[in-house]
Amino acid sequence: QYVSTQVVNTMHQRYKITRVQVITDHADKVCDAVFSTVRHGITRIEVEGAFKHQPHTMLLITVNNYQLPEVINCIRKADEHAFMTLNAVEKIIGNYYQKPLE
């Protein structure tokens, strides 16, 4: 029963999607780390902090929840000071790569 529960849990996590929003001063390094971890695109937006008016880069990354811990870990390794927020995604319309089950 344990094995079947784990299989169902893994399958369920594949179809739950999260948007990771990252504010960083090391966008190229973070993008390279994410690209080497998962096969998803990243939207890159130049932003300015409201408090100190310093420039930063915001990265938007959409991943399934099964990939999420690995993506968070690679972002932290690339930029330990990155600020991240995570939001559940209800629906995706457009091009989103979902690795086929093996």
PDB file of N, CA and C in Angstrom:
ATOM      1  N   GLN A   1       0.827  -1.192   0.000  1.00  0.00           N
ATOM      2  CA  GLN A   1       0.000   0.000   0.000  1.00  0.00           C
ATOM      3  C   GLN A   1       0.873   1.258   0.000  1.00  0.00           C
ATOM      4  N   TYR A   2       2.001   1.220   0.703  1.00  0.00           N
ATOM      5  CA  TYR A   2       2.891   2.380   0.748  1.00  0.00           C
ATOM      6  C   TYR A   2       3.348   2.774  -0.656  1.00  0.00           C
ATOM      7  N   VAL A   3       3.760   1.783  -1.431  1.00  0.00           N
ATOM      8  CA  VAL A   3       4.255   2.055  -2.784  1.00  0.00           C
ATOM      9  C   VAL A   3       3.161   2.671  -3.648  1.00  0.00           C
ATOM     10  N   SER A   4       1.967   2.120  -3.598  1.00  0.00           N
ATOM     11  CA  SER A   4       0.881   2.672  -4.417  1.00  0.00           C
ATOM     12  C   SER A   4       0.522   4.086  -3.969  1.00  0.00           C
ATOM     13  N   THR A   5       0.585   4.356  -2.675  1.00  0.00           N
ATOM     14  CA  THR A   5       0.326   5.708  -2.166  1.00  0.00           C
ATOM     15  C   THR A   5       1.368   6.685  -2.693  1.00  0.00           C
ATOM     16  N   GLN A   6       2.625   6.277  -2.711  1.00  0.00           N
ATOM     17  CA  GLN A   6       3.691   7.136  -3.218  1.00  0.00           C
ATOM     18  C   GLN A   6       3.529   7.405  -4.716  1.00  0.00           C
ATOM     19  N   VAL A   7       3.130   6.411  -5.463  1.00  0.00           N
ATOM     20  CA  VAL A   7       2.916   6.582  -6.905  1.00  0.00           C
ATOM     21  C   VAL A   7       1.786   7.574  -7.150  1.00  0.00           C
ATOM     22  N   VAL A   8       0.688   7.427  -6.444  1.00  0.00           N
ATOM     23  CA  VAL A   8      -0.445   8.347  -6.594  1.00  0.00           C
ATOM     24  C   VAL A   8      -0.030   9.759  -6.198  1.00  0.00           C
ATOM     25  N   ASN A   9       0.714   9.908  -5.109  1.00  0.00           N
ATOM     26  CA  ASN A   9       1.163  11.218  -4.653  1.00  0.00           C
ATOM     27  C   ASN A   9       2.063  11.876  -5.700  1.00  0.00           C
ATOM     28  N   THR A  10       2.991  11.115  -6.260  1.00  0.00           N
ATOM     29  CA  THR A  10       3.881  11.642  -7.286  1.00  0.00           C
ATOM     30  C   THR A  10       3.090  12.088  -8.511  1.00  0.00           C
ATOM     31  N   MET A  11       2.151  11.278  -8.945  1.00  0.00           N
ATOM     32  CA  MET A  11       1.329  11.625 -10.105  1.00  0.00           C
ATOM     33  C   MET A  11       0.519  12.891  -9.836  1.00  0.00           C
ATOM     34  N   HIS A  12      -0.019  13.001  -8.638  1.00  0.00           N
ATOM     35  CA  HIS A  12      -0.822  14.163  -8.274  1.00  0.00           C
ATOM     36  C   HIS A  12       0.035  15.431  -8.299  1.00  0.00           C
ATOM     37  N   GLN A  13       1.258  15.361  -7.785  1.00  0.00           N
ATOM     38  CA  GLN A  13       2.135  16.526  -7.739  1.00  0.00           C
ATOM     39  C   GLN A  13       2.553  16.981  -9.139  1.00  0.00           C
ATOM     40  N   ARG A  14       2.596  16.055 -10.088  1.00  0.00           N
ATOM     41  CA  ARG A  14       2.951  16.411 -11.469  1.00  0.00           C
ATOM     42  C   ARG A  14       1.942  17.371 -12.084  1.00  0.00           C
ATOM     43  N   TYR A  15       0.705  17.311 -11.637  1.00  0.00           N
ATOM     44  CA  TYR A  15      -0.346  18.111 -12.258  1.00  0.00           C
ATOM     45  C   TYR A  15      -0.741  19.331 -11.434  1.00  0.00           C
ATOM     46  N   LYS A  16      -0.098  19.540 -10.309  1.00  0.00           N
ATOM     47  CA  LYS A  16      -0.270  20.771  -9.545  1.00  0.00           C
ATOM     48  C   LYS A  16       0.866  21.696  -9.957  1.00  0.00           C
ATOM     49  N   ILE A  17       0.521  22.896 -10.358  1.00  0.00           N
ATOM     50  CA  ILE A  17       1.495  23.823 -10.934  1.00  0.00           C
ATOM     51  C   ILE A  17       1.674  25.030 -10.013  1.00  0.00           C
ATOM     52  N   THR A  18       2.923  25.492  -9.904  1.00  0.00           N
ATOM     53  CA  THR A  18       3.254  26.659  -9.090  1.00  0.00           C
ATOM     54  C   THR A  18       4.046  27.655  -9.926  1.00  0.00           C
ATOM     55  N   ARG A  19       3.738  28.934  -9.744  1.00  0.00           N
ATOM     56  CA  ARG A  19       4.551  29.989 -10.348  1.00  0.00           C
ATOM     57  C   ARG A  19       5.514  30.488  -9.285  1.00  0.00           C
ATOM     58  N   VAL A  20       6.794  30.448  -9.605  1.00  0.00           N
ATOM     59  CA  VAL A  20       7.834  30.945  -8.709  1.00  0.00           C
ATOM     60  C   VAL A  20       8.238  32.320  -9.224  1.00  0.00           C
ATOM     61  N   GLN A  21       8.124  33.310  -8.366  1.00  0.00           N
ATOM     62  CA  GLN A  21       8.524  34.672  -8.707  1.00  0.00           C
ATOM     63  C   GLN A  21       9.794  34.965  -7.921  1.00  0.00           C
ATOM     64  N   VAL A  22      10.864  35.311  -8.615  1.00  0.00           N
ATOM     65  CA  VAL A  22      12.166  35.515  -7.988  1.00  0.00           C
ATOM     66  C   VAL A  22      12.615  36.951  -8.236  1.00  0.00           C
ATOM     67  N   ILE A  23      13.027  37.637  -7.178  1.00  0.00           N
ATOM     68  CA  ILE A  23      13.653  38.949  -7.312  1.00  0.00           C
ATOM     69  C   ILE A  23      15.131  38.731  -7.011  1.00  0.00           C
ATOM     70  N   THR A  24      15.993  39.080  -7.969  1.00  0.00           N
ATOM     71  CA  THR A  24      17.413  38.771  -7.838  1.00  0.00           C
ATOM     72  C   THR A  24      18.283  39.857  -8.455  1.00  0.00           C
ATOM     73  N   ASP A  25      19.520  39.906  -8.000  1.00  0.00           N
ATOM     74  CA  ASP A  25      20.538  40.754  -8.609  1.00  0.00           C
ATOM     75  C   ASP A  25      21.511  39.911  -9.434  1.00  0.00           C
ATOM     76  N   HIS A  26      21.226  38.614  -9.551  1.00  0.00           N
ATOM     77  CA  HIS A  26      22.093  37.684 -10.288  1.00  0.00           C
ATOM     78  C   HIS A  26      21.248  36.856 -11.258  1.00  0.00           C
ATOM     79  N   ALA A  27      20.529  37.535 -12.124  1.00  0.00           N
ATOM     80  CA  ALA A  27      19.552  36.877 -13.000  1.00  0.00           C
ATOM     81  C   ALA A  27      20.181  35.845 -13.925  1.00  0.00           C
ATOM     82  N   ASP A  28      21.318  36.164 -14.534  1.00  0.00           N
ATOM     83  CA  ASP A  28      21.934  35.211 -15.461  1.00  0.00           C
ATOM     84  C   ASP A  28      22.317  33.920 -14.747  1.00  0.00           C
ATOM     85  N   LYS A  29      22.876  34.056 -13.567  1.00  0.00           N
ATOM     86  CA  LYS A  29      23.289  32.883 -12.783  1.00  0.00           C
ATOM     87  C   LYS A  29      22.074  32.044 -12.373  1.00  0.00           C
ATOM     88  N   VAL A  30      21.009  32.704 -11.944  1.00  0.00           N
ATOM     89  CA  VAL A  30      19.789  31.989 -11.547  1.00  0.00           C
ATOM     90  C   VAL A  30      19.161  31.308 -12.765  1.00  0.00           C
ATOM     91  N   CYS A  31      19.081  32.005 -13.887  1.00  0.00           N
ATOM     92  CA  CYS A  31      18.510  31.409 -15.105  1.00  0.00           C
ATOM     93  C   CYS A  31      19.300  30.176 -15.530  1.00  0.00           C
ATOM     94  N   ASP A  32      20.617  30.275 -15.529  1.00  0.00           N
ATOM     95  CA  ASP A  32      21.447  29.125 -15.904  1.00  0.00           C
ATOM     96  C   ASP A  32      21.200  27.945 -14.978  1.00  0.00           C
ATOM     97  N   ALA A  33      21.075  28.217 -13.678  1.00  0.00           N
ATOM     98  CA  ALA A  33      20.836  27.146 -12.704  1.00  0.00           C
ATOM     99  C   ALA A  33      19.484  26.480 -12.943  1.00  0.00           C
ATOM    100  N   VAL A  34      18.463  27.284 -13.203  1.00  0.00           N
ATOM    101  CA  VAL A  34      17.126  26.727 -13.446  1.00  0.00           C
ATOM    102  C   VAL A  34      17.112  25.940 -14.753  1.00  0.00           C
ATOM    103  N   PHE A  35      17.705  26.498 -15.802  1.00  0.00           N
ATOM    104  CA  PHE A  35      17.740  25.804 -17.096  1.00  0.00           C
ATOM    105  C   PHE A  35      18.470  24.468 -17.005  1.00  0.00           C
ATOM    106  N   SER A  36      19.469  24.382 -16.133  1.00  0.00           N
ATOM    107  CA  SER A  36      20.198  23.117 -15.989  1.00  0.00           C
ATOM    108  C   SER A  36      19.428  22.115 -15.128  1.00  0.00           C
ATOM    109  N   THR A  37      18.355  22.572 -14.479  1.00  0.00           N
ATOM    110  CA  THR A  37      17.573  21.716 -13.586  1.00  0.00           C
ATOM    111  C   THR A  37      16.276  21.236 -14.231  1.00  0.00           C
ATOM    112  N   VAL A  38      15.549  22.136 -14.882  1.00  0.00           N
ATOM    113  CA  VAL A  38      14.263  21.787 -15.505  1.00  0.00           C
ATOM    114  C   VAL A  38      14.187  22.382 -16.908  1.00  0.00           C
ATOM    115  N   ARG A  39      13.273  21.854 -17.683  1.00  0.00           N
ATOM    116  CA  ARG A  39      13.101  22.309 -19.068  1.00  0.00           C
ATOM    117  C   ARG A  39      11.876  23.220 -19.160  1.00  0.00           C
ATOM    118  N   HIS A  40      12.003  24.399 -18.593  1.00  0.00           N
ATOM    119  CA  HIS A  40      10.918  25.378 -18.638  1.00  0.00           C
ATOM    120  C   HIS A  40      11.495  26.736 -18.989  1.00  0.00           C
ATOM    121  N   GLY A  41      10.693  27.556 -19.628  1.00  0.00           N
ATOM    122  CA  GLY A  41      11.105  28.908 -19.936  1.00  0.00           C
ATOM    123  C   GLY A  41      11.034  29.796 -18.702  1.00  0.00           C
ATOM    124  N   ILE A  42      11.669  30.932 -18.800  1.00  0.00           N
ATOM    125  CA  ILE A  42      11.682  31.908 -17.706  1.00  0.00           C
ATOM    126  C   ILE A  42      11.366  33.267 -18.313  1.00  0.00           C
ATOM    127  N   THR A  43      10.441  33.980 -17.700  1.00  0.00           N
ATOM    128  CA  THR A  43      10.168  35.354 -18.106  1.00  0.00           C
ATOM    129  C   THR A  43      11.012  36.268 -17.231  1.00  0.00           C
ATOM    130  N   ARG A  44      11.684  37.206 -17.876  1.00  0.00           N
ATOM    131  CA  ARG A  44      12.625  38.090 -17.185  1.00  0.00           C
ATOM    132  C   ARG A  44      12.129  39.532 -17.328  1.00  0.00           C
ATOM    133  N   ILE A  45      11.976  40.215 -16.193  1.00  0.00           N
ATOM    134  CA  ILE A  45      11.466  41.583 -16.186  1.00  0.00           C
ATOM    135  C   ILE A  45      12.382  42.440 -15.314  1.00  0.00           C
ATOM    136  N   GLU A  46      12.819  43.563 -15.860  1.00  0.00           N
ATOM    137  CA  GLU A  46      13.636  44.490 -15.068  1.00  0.00           C
ATOM    138  C   GLU A  46      12.697  45.302 -14.174  1.00  0.00           C
ATOM    139  N   VAL A  47      13.003  45.347 -12.878  1.00  0.00           N
ATOM    140  CA  VAL A  47      12.144  46.025 -11.900  1.00  0.00           C
ATOM    141  C   VAL A  47      12.985  46.950 -11.023  1.00  0.00           C
ATOM    142  N   GLU A  48      12.300  47.772 -10.247  1.00  0.00           N
ATOM    143  CA  GLU A  48      12.969  48.675  -9.311  1.00  0.00           C
ATOM    144  C   GLU A  48      12.325  48.526  -7.946  1.00  0.00           C
ATOM    145  N   GLY A  49      13.154  48.393  -6.921  1.00  0.00           N
ATOM    146  CA  GLY A  49      12.645  48.324  -5.557  1.00  0.00           C
ATOM    147  C   GLY A  49      12.072  49.672  -5.142  1.00  0.00           C
ATOM    148  N   ALA A  50      10.934  49.665  -4.475  1.00  0.00           N
ATOM    149  CA  ALA A  50      10.261  50.912  -4.102  1.00  0.00           C
ATOM    150  C   ALA A  50      10.925  51.597  -2.915  1.00  0.00           C
ATOM    151  N   PHE A  51      11.578  50.836  -2.047  1.00  0.00           N
ATOM    152  CA  PHE A  51      12.148  51.419  -0.833  1.00  0.00           C
ATOM    153  C   PHE A  51      13.460  52.147  -1.119  1.00  0.00           C
ATOM    154  N   LYS A  52      14.398  51.468  -1.769  1.00  0.00           N
ATOM    155  CA  LYS A  52      15.715  52.064  -2.037  1.00  0.00           C
ATOM    156  C   LYS A  52      15.894  52.489  -3.495  1.00  0.00           C
ATOM    157  N   HIS A  53      14.895  52.231  -4.321  1.00  0.00           N
ATOM    158  CA  HIS A  53      14.939  52.577  -5.747  1.00  0.00           C
ATOM    159  C   HIS A  53      16.126  51.939  -6.461  1.00  0.00           C
ATOM    160  N   GLN A  54      16.476  50.719  -6.056  1.00  0.00           N
ATOM    161  CA  GLN A  54      17.568  49.996  -6.701  1.00  0.00           C
ATOM    162  C   GLN A  54      17.014  49.052  -7.765  1.00  0.00           C
ATOM    163  N   PRO A  55      17.739  48.907  -8.872  1.00  0.00           N
ATOM    164  CA  PRO A  55      17.276  47.993  -9.925  1.00  0.00           C
ATOM    165  C   PRO A  55      17.492  46.530  -9.535  1.00  0.00           C
ATOM    166  N   HIS A  56      16.562  45.697  -9.926  1.00  0.00           N
ATOM    167  CA  HIS A  56      16.640  44.250  -9.718  1.00  0.00           C
ATOM    168  C   HIS A  56      16.022  43.588 -10.948  1.00  0.00           C
ATOM    169  N   THR A  57      16.087  42.266 -10.985  1.00  0.00           N
ATOM    170  CA  THR A  57      15.425  41.510 -12.043  1.00  0.00           C
ATOM    171  C   THR A  57      14.413  40.572 -11.412  1.00  0.00           C
ATOM    172  N   MET A  58      13.208  40.544 -11.989  1.00  0.00           N
ATOM    173  CA  MET A  58      12.188  39.597 -11.550  1.00  0.00           C
ATOM    174  C   MET A  58      12.123  38.479 -12.583  1.00  0.00           C
ATOM    175  N   LEU A  59      12.175  37.248 -12.089  1.00  0.00           N
ATOM    176  CA  LEU A  59      12.068  36.072 -12.939  1.00  0.00           C
ATOM    177  C   LEU A  59      10.774  35.353 -12.605  1.00  0.00           C
ATOM    178  N   LEU A  60      10.020  34.962 -13.619  1.00  0.00           N
ATOM    179  CA  LEU A  60       8.792  34.195 -13.436  1.00  0.00           C
ATOM    180  C   LEU A  60       9.021  32.809 -14.022  1.00  0.00           C
ATOM    181  N   ILE A  61       8.866  31.796 -13.182  1.00  0.00           N
ATOM    182  CA  ILE A  61       9.130  30.415 -13.577  1.00  0.00           C
ATOM    183  C   ILE A  61       7.917  29.582 -13.195  1.00  0.00           C
ATOM    184  N   THR A  62       7.395  28.810 -14.131  1.00  0.00           N
ATOM    185  CA  THR A  62       6.238  27.957 -13.877  1.00  0.00           C
ATOM    186  C   THR A  62       6.695  26.507 -13.883  1.00  0.00           C
ATOM    187  N   VAL A  63       6.480  25.810 -12.760  1.00  0.00           N
ATOM    188  CA  VAL A  63       6.926  24.418 -12.626  1.00  0.00           C
ATOM    189  C   VAL A  63       5.840  23.593 -11.956  1.00  0.00           C
ATOM    190  N   ASN A  64       5.923  22.273 -12.122  1.00  0.00           N
ATOM    191  CA  ASN A  64       4.990  21.435 -11.377  1.00  0.00           C
ATOM    192  C   ASN A  64       5.532  21.216  -9.966  1.00  0.00           C
ATOM    193  N   ASN A  65       4.668  20.851  -9.044  1.00  0.00           N
ATOM    194  CA  ASN A  65       5.059  20.747  -7.639  1.00  0.00           C
ATOM    195  C   ASN A  65       6.058  19.635  -7.377  1.00  0.00           C
ATOM    196  N   TYR A  66       6.130  18.667  -8.269  1.00  0.00           N
ATOM    197  CA  TYR A  66       7.128  17.610  -8.131  1.00  0.00           C
ATOM    198  C   TYR A  66       8.531  18.184  -8.341  1.00  0.00           C
ATOM    199  N   GLN A  67       8.669  19.158  -9.239  1.00  0.00           N
ATOM    200  CA  GLN A  67       9.955  19.793  -9.532  1.00  0.00           C
ATOM    201  C   GLN A  67      10.288  20.927  -8.568  1.00  0.00           C
ATOM    202  N   LEU A  68       9.308  21.413  -7.850  1.00  0.00           N
ATOM    203  CA  LEU A  68       9.452  22.625  -7.048  1.00  0.00           C
ATOM    204  C   LEU A  68      10.614  22.598  -6.057  1.00  0.00           C
ATOM    205  N   PRO A  69      10.779  21.570  -5.223  1.00  0.00           N
ATOM    206  CA  PRO A  69      11.902  21.583  -4.270  1.00  0.00           C
ATOM    207  C   PRO A  69      13.263  21.693  -4.959  1.00  0.00           C
ATOM    208  N   GLU A  70      13.419  21.009  -6.075  1.00  0.00           N
ATOM    209  CA  GLU A  70      14.679  21.047  -6.815  1.00  0.00           C
ATOM    210  C   GLU A  70      14.937  22.440  -7.400  1.00  0.00           C
ATOM    211  N   VAL A  71      13.886  23.078  -7.900  1.00  0.00           N
ATOM    212  CA  VAL A  71      14.020  24.418  -8.467  1.00  0.00           C
ATOM    213  C   VAL A  71      14.365  25.429  -7.374  1.00  0.00           C
ATOM    214  N   ILE A  72      13.683  25.364  -6.249  1.00  0.00           N
ATOM    215  CA  ILE A  72      13.981  26.274  -5.139  1.00  0.00           C
ATOM    216  C   ILE A  72      15.422  26.094  -4.685  1.00  0.00           C
ATOM    217  N   ASN A  73      15.864  24.860  -4.575  1.00  0.00           N
ATOM    218  CA  ASN A  73      17.228  24.577  -4.141  1.00  0.00           C
ATOM    219  C   ASN A  73      18.252  25.159  -5.117  1.00  0.00           C
ATOM    220  N   CYS A  74      18.033  25.003  -6.406  1.00  0.00           N
ATOM    221  CA  CYS A  74      19.007  25.523  -7.372  1.00  0.00           C
ATOM    222  C   CYS A  74      19.013  27.053  -7.381  1.00  0.00           C
ATOM    223  N   ILE A  75      17.868  27.684  -7.151  1.00  0.00           N
ATOM    224  CA  ILE A  75      17.824  29.151  -7.070  1.00  0.00           C
ATOM    225  C   ILE A  75      18.606  29.621  -5.853  1.00  0.00           C
ATOM    226  N   ARG A  76      18.402  28.971  -4.721  1.00  0.00           N
ATOM    227  CA  ARG A  76      19.131  29.350  -3.497  1.00  0.00           C
ATOM    228  C   ARG A  76      20.638  29.190  -3.659  1.00  0.00           C
ATOM    229  N   LYS A  77      21.058  28.137  -4.356  1.00  0.00           N
ATOM    230  CA  LYS A  77      22.492  27.940  -4.591  1.00  0.00           C
ATOM    231  C   LYS A  77      23.056  29.022  -5.507  1.00  0.00           C
ATOM    232  N   ALA A  78      22.275  29.437  -6.493  1.00  0.00           N
ATOM    233  CA  ALA A  78      22.732  30.457  -7.437  1.00  0.00           C
ATOM    234  C   ALA A  78      22.739  31.852  -6.818  1.00  0.00           C
ATOM    235  N   ASP A  79      21.777  32.128  -5.944  1.00  0.00           N
ATOM    236  CA  ASP A  79      21.687  33.444  -5.285  1.00  0.00           C
ATOM    237  C   ASP A  79      21.041  33.263  -3.920  1.00  0.00           C
ATOM    238  N   GLU A  80      21.870  33.191  -2.904  1.00  0.00           N
ATOM    239  CA  GLU A  80      21.347  32.947  -1.548  1.00  0.00           C
ATOM    240  C   GLU A  80      20.502  34.102  -1.023  1.00  0.00           C
ATOM    241  N   HIS A  81      20.585  35.266  -1.670  1.00  0.00           N
ATOM    242  CA  HIS A  81      19.803  36.428  -1.231  1.00  0.00           C
ATOM    243  C   HIS A  81      18.554  36.659  -2.088  1.00  0.00           C
ATOM    244  N   ALA A  82      18.276  35.747  -3.000  1.00  0.00           N
ATOM    245  CA  ALA A  82      17.093  35.900  -3.858  1.00  0.00           C
ATOM    246  C   ALA A  82      15.829  35.895  -3.001  1.00  0.00           C
ATOM    247  N   PHE A  83      14.881  36.732  -3.389  1.00  0.00           N
ATOM    248  CA  PHE A  83      13.583  36.805  -2.723  1.00  0.00           C
ATOM    249  C   PHE A  83      12.592  36.060  -3.602  1.00  0.00           C
ATOM    250  N   MET A  84      11.907  35.076  -3.025  1.00  0.00           N
ATOM    251  CA  MET A  84      10.986  34.250  -3.810  1.00  0.00           C
ATOM    252  C   MET A  84       9.588  34.272  -3.218  1.00  0.00           C
ATOM    253  N   THR A  85       8.597  34.313  -4.097  1.00  0.00           N
ATOM    254  CA  THR A  85       7.217  34.056  -3.698  1.00  0.00           C
ATOM    255  C   THR A  85       6.693  32.948  -4.598  1.00  0.00           C
ATOM    256  N   LEU A  86       5.801  32.136  -4.046  1.00  0.00           N
ATOM    257  CA  LEU A  86       5.245  31.001  -4.779  1.00  0.00           C
ATOM    258  C   LEU A  86       3.731  31.122  -4.781  1.00  0.00           C
ATOM    259  N   ASN A  87       3.145  30.911  -5.954  1.00  0.00           N
ATOM    260  CA  ASN A  87       1.694  31.004  -6.099  1.00  0.00           C
ATOM    261  C   ASN A  87       1.174  29.794  -6.852  1.00  0.00           C
ATOM    262  N   ALA A  88       0.100  29.216  -6.342  1.00  0.00           N
ATOM    263  CA  ALA A  88      -0.547  28.106  -7.043  1.00  0.00           C
ATOM    264  C   ALA A  88      -1.152  28.620  -8.342  1.00  0.00           C
ATOM    265  N   VAL A  89      -1.003  27.847  -9.395  1.00  0.00           N
ATOM    266  CA  VAL A  89      -1.545  28.195 -10.709  1.00  0.00           C
ATOM    267  C   VAL A  89      -2.795  27.357 -10.934  1.00  0.00           C
ATOM    268  N   GLU A  90      -3.878  28.017 -11.262  1.00  0.00           N
ATOM    269  CA  GLU A  90      -5.138  27.310 -11.475  1.00  0.00           C
ATOM    270  C   GLU A  90      -5.205  26.665 -12.852  1.00  0.00           C
ATOM    271  N   LYS A  91      -4.700  27.376 -13.870  1.00  0.00           N
ATOM    272  CA  LYS A  91      -4.821  26.876 -15.235  1.00  0.00           C
ATOM    273  C   LYS A  91      -3.720  27.482 -16.093  1.00  0.00           C
ATOM    274  N   ILE A  92      -3.234  26.703 -17.047  1.00  0.00           N
ATOM    275  CA  ILE A  92      -2.239  27.193 -18.001  1.00  0.00           C
ATOM    276  C   ILE A  92      -2.842  27.118 -19.395  1.00  0.00           C
ATOM    277  N   ILE A  93      -2.719  28.212 -20.118  1.00  0.00           N
ATOM    278  CA  ILE A  93      -3.142  28.250 -21.512  1.00  0.00           C
ATOM    279  C   ILE A  93      -1.912  28.658 -22.309  1.00  0.00           C
ATOM    280  N   GLY A  94      -1.478  27.825 -23.211  1.00  0.00           N
ATOM    281  CA  GLY A  94      -0.285  28.130 -23.989  1.00  0.00           C
ATOM    282  C   GLY A  94       0.730  27.011 -23.892  1.00  0.00           C
ATOM    283  N   ASN A  95       1.960  27.334 -24.220  1.00  0.00           N
ATOM    284  CA  ASN A  95       3.021  26.348 -24.310  1.00  0.00           C
ATOM    285  C   ASN A  95       3.669  26.108 -22.949  1.00  0.00           C
ATOM    286  N   TYR A  96       3.442  24.932 -22.388  1.00  0.00           N
ATOM    287  CA  TYR A  96       4.062  24.526 -21.123  1.00  0.00           C
ATOM    288  C   TYR A  96       4.530  23.094 -21.290  1.00  0.00           C
ATOM    289  N   TYR A  97       5.815  22.861 -21.101  1.00  0.00           N
ATOM    290  CA  TYR A  97       6.383  21.530 -21.303  1.00  0.00           C
ATOM    291  C   TYR A  97       6.129  20.656 -20.085  1.00  0.00           C
ATOM    292  N   GLN A  98       5.529  19.513 -20.309  1.00  0.00           N
ATOM    293  CA  GLN A  98       5.315  18.511 -19.253  1.00  0.00           C
ATOM    294  C   GLN A  98       6.035  17.247 -19.697  1.00  0.00           C
ATOM    295  N   LYS A  99       7.076  16.876 -18.978  1.00  0.00           N
ATOM    296  CA  LYS A  99       7.869  15.697 -19.334  1.00  0.00           C
ATOM    297  C   LYS A  99       6.977  14.459 -19.352  1.00  0.00           C
ATOM    298  N   PRO A 100       7.047  13.681 -20.428  1.00  0.00           N
ATOM    299  CA  PRO A 100       6.229  12.463 -20.488  1.00  0.00           C
ATOM    300  C   PRO A 100       6.616  11.476 -19.393  1.00  0.00           C
ATOM    301  N   LEU A 101       5.649  10.712 -18.929  1.00  0.00           N
ATOM    302  CA  LEU A 101       5.931   9.670 -17.948  1.00  0.00           C
ATOM    303  C   LEU A 101       6.755   8.578 -18.608  1.00  0.00           C
ATOM    304  N   GLU A 102       7.685   8.048 -17.850  1.00  0.00           N
ATOM    305  CA  GLU A 102       8.541   6.981 -18.395  1.00  0.00           C
ATOM    306  C   GLU A 102       8.031   5.631 -17.985  1.00  0.00           C
TER     307      GLU A 102
END
